[in-house]
């Protein structure tokens, strides 16, 4: 499928970080039929040096296209959303809304969901486990490699923050497993 026919997907920071941690960012961006975008504000939210370097590498390899809010209506929507949502979520949702993109995010806050439903509709919101299921189904990554990466992360865990992150990634892979079973 040509790039101009590919469905654009704006990636939020929470999903981006999960994909980086699972070593799944590059494989996911190879799913046919999708073109992955990241807004400047989300790039700025990736602060850990290793994660920032992986993101920069993905952008250099054109796996992710870096985009900016430029139109006055995008900027006005961003300002309105930023009063109730985080900076990256606001910019991503404003961009997705104005450009007819899907939006990859695992955020679940009530205010976030209210804005998603109002601006792009719940069907335009993709969750990381669903995207990972597409990647597994298209053979760009395997469930075994994701589980192996999670096992490695558990062995390297150093403190409560790491354990919280790992519990979250465990839930992501559990939902992925369920999604695969439902196919």
Protein backbone atom coordinates (compact mmCIF):
# COMPACT_ATOMS: atom_id res chain seq x y z
CA UNK A 1 0.00 0.00 0.00
CA UNK A 2 1.41 3.42 -0.88
CA UNK A 3 2.28 5.84 1.86
CA UNK A 4 -0.39 8.30 0.71
CA UNK A 5 -3.02 5.57 1.15
CA UNK A 6 -1.69 4.56 4.56
CA UNK A 7 -3.85 5.44 7.55
CA UNK A 8 -2.11 8.05 9.71
CA UNK A 9 -1.76 7.22 13.41
CA UNK A 10 -0.69 9.88 15.92
CA UNK A 11 1.23 8.27 18.80
CA UNK A 12 0.88 9.60 22.36
CA UNK A 13 3.78 9.55 24.84
CA UNK A 14 2.39 6.77 27.05
CA UNK A 15 2.05 4.33 24.15
CA UNK A 16 5.37 5.45 22.67
CA UNK A 17 7.20 4.77 25.94
CA UNK A 18 5.58 1.33 26.26
CA UNK A 19 6.60 0.43 22.71
CA UNK A 20 10.16 1.61 23.36
CA UNK A 21 10.39 -0.37 26.62
CA UNK A 22 9.14 -3.51 24.86
CA UNK A 23 11.60 -2.99 21.95
CA UNK A 24 8.53 -2.91 19.72
CA UNK A 25 8.58 0.62 18.30
CA UNK A 26 10.32 -0.17 15.01
CA UNK A 27 8.44 -3.46 14.40
CA UNK A 28 5.07 -1.80 15.06
CA UNK A 29 5.82 0.98 12.58
CA UNK A 30 6.29 -1.67 9.89
CA UNK A 31 2.64 -2.77 10.01
CA UNK A 32 1.34 -2.37 6.47
CA UNK A 33 -1.35 0.20 5.89
CA UNK A 34 -0.33 2.61 8.66
CA UNK A 35 1.87 5.69 8.82
CA UNK A 36 2.95 6.71 12.32
CA UNK A 37 3.22 10.34 13.38
CA UNK A 38 4.54 11.99 16.53
CA UNK A 39 3.90 15.62 17.45
CA UNK A 40 6.71 17.86 18.69
CA UNK A 41 5.15 18.08 22.17
CA UNK A 42 5.32 14.30 22.58
CA UNK A 43 8.94 14.22 21.39
CA UNK A 44 9.64 16.72 24.19
CA UNK A 45 8.01 14.43 26.77
CA UNK A 46 10.45 11.58 26.09
CA UNK A 47 13.17 12.66 28.51
CA UNK A 48 15.06 9.51 29.47
CA UNK A 49 18.22 9.55 27.36
CA UNK A 50 17.96 5.95 26.12
CA UNK A 51 14.30 6.33 25.18
CA UNK A 52 14.93 9.70 23.54
CA UNK A 53 17.72 8.19 21.43
CA UNK A 54 15.50 5.30 20.29
CA UNK A 55 12.81 7.82 19.33
CA UNK A 56 15.30 10.01 17.44
CA UNK A 57 16.60 6.94 15.62
CA UNK A 58 13.06 5.91 14.61
CA UNK A 59 12.44 9.43 13.30
CA UNK A 60 15.75 9.43 11.38
CA UNK A 61 14.81 6.06 9.83
CA UNK A 62 11.43 7.55 8.84
CA UNK A 63 9.58 4.97 10.92
CA UNK A 64 7.84 7.88 12.61
CA UNK A 65 7.14 11.20 10.98
CA UNK A 66 7.63 14.21 13.26
CA UNK A 67 4.79 16.71 12.85
CA UNK A 68 3.90 20.10 14.34
CA UNK A 69 0.78 22.05 15.08
CA UNK A 70 0.83 24.98 12.65
CA UNK A 71 -2.71 25.89 11.70
CA UNK A 72 -4.55 28.44 13.81
CA UNK A 73 -7.44 26.03 14.48
CA UNK A 74 -4.98 23.33 15.63
CA UNK A 75 -3.29 25.78 17.98
CA UNK A 76 -6.62 27.02 19.35
CA UNK A 77 -7.80 23.46 19.96
CA UNK A 78 -4.46 22.61 21.60
CA UNK A 79 -4.83 25.58 23.96
CA UNK A 80 -8.38 24.55 24.91
CA UNK A 81 -7.39 20.90 25.46
CA UNK A 82 -4.28 21.82 27.43
CA UNK A 83 -6.52 23.37 30.09
CA UNK A 84 -7.75 19.84 30.97
CA UNK A 85 -5.18 17.42 29.48
CA UNK A 86 -1.42 17.05 29.41
CA UNK A 87 0.68 18.83 26.80
CA UNK A 88 1.42 15.78 24.62
CA UNK A 89 -2.12 14.42 24.78
CA UNK A 90 -3.52 17.85 23.91
CA UNK A 91 -1.21 18.31 20.92
CA UNK A 92 -1.73 14.74 19.68
CA UNK A 93 -5.50 14.92 19.96
CA UNK A 94 -5.61 18.35 18.30
CA UNK A 95 -3.51 17.05 15.41
CA UNK A 96 -5.54 13.83 15.06
CA UNK A 97 -8.78 15.79 15.13
CA UNK A 98 -7.76 18.30 12.48
CA UNK A 99 -6.08 15.80 10.14
CA UNK A 100 -8.44 12.81 10.40
CA UNK A 101 -5.89 10.53 12.05
CA UNK A 102 -6.26 7.58 14.35
CA UNK A 103 -4.86 8.21 17.83
CA UNK A 104 -2.72 5.65 19.71
CA UNK A 105 -2.98 6.22 23.45
CA UNK A 106 -3.59 4.19 26.58
CA UNK A 107 -4.85 7.12 28.63
CA UNK A 108 -8.16 6.42 30.36
CA UNK A 109 -8.91 9.54 32.41
CA UNK A 110 -12.49 10.73 32.20
CA UNK A 111 -11.55 14.16 30.77
CA UNK A 112 -9.36 12.50 28.13
CA UNK A 113 -12.08 10.09 27.05
CA UNK A 114 -14.69 12.87 26.95
CA UNK A 115 -12.47 14.88 24.58
CA UNK A 116 -11.61 11.85 22.42
CA UNK A 117 -15.27 10.96 22.00
CA UNK A 118 -16.22 14.56 21.19
CA UNK A 119 -13.37 15.22 18.74
CA UNK A 120 -12.50 11.97 16.94
CA UNK A 121 -14.86 9.31 18.29
CA UNK A 122 -13.91 6.28 20.32
CA UNK A 123 -13.42 4.17 17.16
CA UNK A 124 -10.48 6.39 16.19
CA UNK A 125 -8.70 5.62 19.47
CA UNK A 126 -6.27 2.68 19.28
CA UNK A 127 -4.84 1.01 22.37
CA UNK A 128 -1.31 -0.43 22.52
CA UNK A 129 -2.41 -4.07 23.00
CA UNK A 130 -4.58 -3.88 19.87
CA UNK A 131 -1.73 -2.39 17.84
CA UNK A 132 0.66 -5.03 19.16
CA UNK A 133 -1.86 -7.71 18.15
CA UNK A 134 -1.79 -6.28 14.61
CA UNK A 135 2.01 -6.41 14.67
CA UNK A 136 2.00 -10.03 15.83
CA UNK A 137 -0.63 -10.97 13.24
CA UNK A 138 1.43 -9.32 10.50
CA UNK A 139 4.60 -11.05 11.71
CA UNK A 140 6.54 -7.85 12.36
CA UNK A 141 7.07 -8.97 15.97
CA UNK A 142 6.30 -12.10 17.95
CA UNK A 143 4.51 -12.55 21.23
CA UNK A 144 7.49 -14.61 22.38
CA UNK A 145 9.89 -11.72 21.77
CA UNK A 146 7.62 -9.34 23.70
CA UNK A 147 7.43 -11.77 26.63
CA UNK A 148 11.20 -12.24 26.50
CA UNK A 149 11.76 -8.49 26.60
CA UNK A 150 9.41 -8.17 29.58
CA UNK A 151 11.31 -10.94 31.37
CA UNK A 152 14.57 -9.07 30.78
CA UNK A 153 13.04 -5.85 32.11
CA UNK A 154 11.90 -7.71 35.24
CA UNK A 155 15.44 -8.98 35.81
CA UNK A 156 16.75 -5.40 35.54
CA UNK A 157 14.06 -3.84 37.77
CA UNK A 158 15.59 -1.71 40.49
CA UNK A 159 12.81 -0.15 42.52
CA UNK A 160 9.11 0.46 43.09
CA UNK A 161 8.76 2.68 39.99
CA UNK A 162 10.23 -0.09 37.82
CA UNK A 163 7.88 -2.64 39.40
CA UNK A 164 4.87 -0.37 38.74
CA UNK A 165 5.95 0.02 35.11
CA UNK A 166 6.37 -3.75 34.79
CA UNK A 167 2.93 -4.42 36.24
CA UNK A 168 1.54 -2.07 33.61
CA UNK A 169 3.46 -3.85 30.83
CA UNK A 170 2.23 -7.20 32.18
CA UNK A 171 -1.34 -5.90 31.77
CA UNK A 172 -0.54 -4.70 28.23
CA UNK A 173 0.73 -8.16 27.27
CA UNK A 174 -2.24 -9.85 28.98
CA UNK A 175 -4.61 -7.69 26.89
CA UNK A 176 -2.53 -8.47 23.81
CA UNK A 177 -2.88 -12.20 24.52
CA UNK A 178 -6.67 -11.81 24.88
CA UNK A 179 -6.84 -9.79 21.69
CA UNK A 180 -4.96 -12.51 19.81
CA UNK A 181 -7.26 -15.20 21.21
CA UNK A 182 -10.32 -13.26 20.02
CA UNK A 183 -9.04 -13.10 16.42
